[in-house]
Amino acid sequence: EYSSEHFQEIGRKGGETTSKENNDN
């Protein structure tokens, strides 16, 4: 399982993002 921090990191790299990251954008 990945933590929210993990998704934030890959999100910045243009990878998969959580709904939280998408809303932030």
PDB file of N, CA and C in Angstrom:
ATOM      1  N   GLU A   1       0.841  -1.203   0.000  1.00  0.00           N
ATOM      2  CA  GLU A   1       0.000   0.000   0.000  1.00  0.00           C
ATOM      3  C   GLU A   1       0.875   1.251   0.000  1.00  0.00           C
ATOM      4  N   TYR A   2       0.390   2.289  -0.640  1.00  0.00           N
ATOM      5  CA  TYR A   2       1.163   3.529  -0.712  1.00  0.00           C
ATOM      6  C   TYR A   2       0.531   4.603   0.168  1.00  0.00           C
ATOM      7  N   SER A   3       1.387   5.451   0.724  1.00  0.00           N
ATOM      8  CA  SER A   3       0.886   6.546   1.549  1.00  0.00           C
ATOM      9  C   SER A   3       0.486   7.706   0.651  1.00  0.00           C
ATOM     10  N   SER A   4      -0.205   8.675   1.213  1.00  0.00           N
ATOM     11  CA  SER A   4      -0.620   9.841   0.427  1.00  0.00           C
ATOM     12  C   SER A   4       0.595  10.584  -0.091  1.00  0.00           C
ATOM     13  N   GLU A   5       1.679  10.567   0.679  1.00  0.00           N
ATOM     14  CA  GLU A   5       2.904  11.254   0.264  1.00  0.00           C
ATOM     15  C   GLU A   5       3.450  10.642  -1.014  1.00  0.00           C
ATOM     16  N   HIS A   6       3.324   9.315  -1.140  1.00  0.00           N
ATOM     17  CA  HIS A   6       3.816   8.626  -2.329  1.00  0.00           C
ATOM     18  C   HIS A   6       3.079   9.132  -3.566  1.00  0.00           C
ATOM     19  N   PHE A   7       1.762   9.250  -3.460  1.00  0.00           N
ATOM     20  CA  PHE A   7       0.973   9.698  -4.601  1.00  0.00           C
ATOM     21  C   PHE A   7       1.252  11.154  -4.922  1.00  0.00           C
ATOM     22  N   GLN A   8       1.575  11.942  -3.905  1.00  0.00           N
ATOM     23  CA  GLN A   8       1.907  13.344  -4.150  1.00  0.00           C
ATOM     24  C   GLN A   8       3.200  13.438  -4.942  1.00  0.00           C
ATOM     25  N   GLU A   9       4.163  12.574  -4.619  1.00  0.00           N
ATOM     26  CA  GLU A   9       5.459  12.588  -5.317  1.00  0.00           C
ATOM     27  C   GLU A   9       5.293  12.201  -6.782  1.00  0.00           C
ATOM     28  N   ILE A  10       4.608  11.090  -7.056  1.00  0.00           N
ATOM     29  CA  ILE A  10       4.439  10.654  -8.440  1.00  0.00           C
ATOM     30  C   ILE A  10       3.514  11.607  -9.184  1.00  0.00           C
ATOM     31  N   GLY A  11       2.661  12.295  -8.449  1.00  0.00           N
ATOM     32  CA  GLY A  11       1.752  13.264  -9.062  1.00  0.00           C
ATOM     33  C   GLY A  11       2.535  14.419  -9.641  1.00  0.00           C
ATOM     34  N   ARG A  12       3.563  14.845  -8.922  1.00  0.00           N
ATOM     35  CA  ARG A  12       4.395  15.958  -9.388  1.00  0.00           C
ATOM     36  C   ARG A  12       5.188  15.546 -10.622  1.00  0.00           C
ATOM     37  N   LYS A  13       5.412  14.247 -10.767  1.00  0.00           N
ATOM     38  CA  LYS A  13       6.192  13.742 -11.901  1.00  0.00           C
ATOM     39  C   LYS A  13       5.283  13.426 -13.093  1.00  0.00           C
ATOM     40  N   GLY A  14       4.006  13.752 -12.987  1.00  0.00           N
ATOM     41  CA  GLY A  14       3.090  13.514 -14.098  1.00  0.00           C
ATOM     42  C   GLY A  14       2.618  12.077 -14.159  1.00  0.00           C
ATOM     43  N   GLY A  15       2.766  11.361 -13.069  1.00  0.00           N
ATOM     44  CA  GLY A  15       2.326   9.972 -13.030  1.00  0.00           C
ATOM     45  C   GLY A  15       0.891   9.879 -12.556  1.00  0.00           C
ATOM     46  N   GLU A  16       0.535   8.759 -11.937  1.00  0.00           N
ATOM     47  CA  GLU A  16      -0.815   8.602 -11.428  1.00  0.00           C
ATOM     48  C   GLU A  16      -1.051   9.594 -10.297  1.00  0.00           C
ATOM     49  N   THR A  17      -2.291  10.067 -10.186  1.00  0.00           N
ATOM     50  CA  THR A  17      -2.595  11.009  -9.118  1.00  0.00           C
ATOM     51  C   THR A  17      -3.855  10.575  -8.394  1.00  0.00           C
ATOM     52  N   THR A  18      -3.955  10.953  -7.145  1.00  0.00           N
ATOM     53  CA  THR A  18      -5.156  10.656  -6.381  1.00  0.00           C
ATOM     54  C   THR A  18      -6.189  11.727  -6.680  1.00  0.00           C
ATOM     55  N   SER A  19      -7.425  11.532  -6.281  1.00  0.00           N
ATOM     56  CA  SER A  19      -8.458  12.533  -6.504  1.00  0.00           C
ATOM     57  C   SER A  19      -8.085  13.823  -5.787  1.00  0.00           C
ATOM     58  N   LYS A  20      -7.370  13.683  -4.676  1.00  0.00           N
ATOM     59  CA  LYS A  20      -6.929  14.854  -3.916  1.00  0.00           C
ATOM     60  C   LYS A  20      -5.970  15.690  -4.748  1.00  0.00           C
ATOM     61  N   GLU A  21      -5.045  15.034  -5.428  1.00  0.00           N
ATOM     62  CA  GLU A  21      -4.071  15.740  -6.256  1.00  0.00           C
ATOM     63  C   GLU A  21      -4.770  16.409  -7.439  1.00  0.00           C
ATOM     64  N   ASN A  22      -5.728  15.717  -8.051  1.00  0.00           N
ATOM     65  CA  ASN A  22      -6.438  16.275  -9.199  1.00  0.00           C
ATOM     66  C   ASN A  22      -7.230  17.506  -8.802  1.00  0.00           C
ATOM     67  N   ASN A  23      -7.815  17.487  -7.608  1.00  0.00           N
ATOM     68  CA  ASN A  23      -8.578  18.631  -7.133  1.00  0.00           C
ATOM     69  C   ASN A  23      -7.658  19.802  -6.852  1.00  0.00           C
ATOM     70  N   ASP A  24      -6.443  19.508  -6.419  1.00  0.00           N
ATOM     71  CA  ASP A  24      -5.476  20.562  -6.123  1.00  0.00           C
ATOM     72  C   ASP A  24      -5.067  21.274  -7.410  1.00  0.00           C
ATOM     73  N   ASN A  25      -5.104  20.545  -8.506  1.00  0.00           N
ATOM     74  CA  ASN A  25      -4.756  21.136  -9.794  1.00  0.00           C
ATOM     75  C   ASN A  25      -5.966  21.838 -10.380  1.00  0.00           C
TER      76      ASN A  25
END
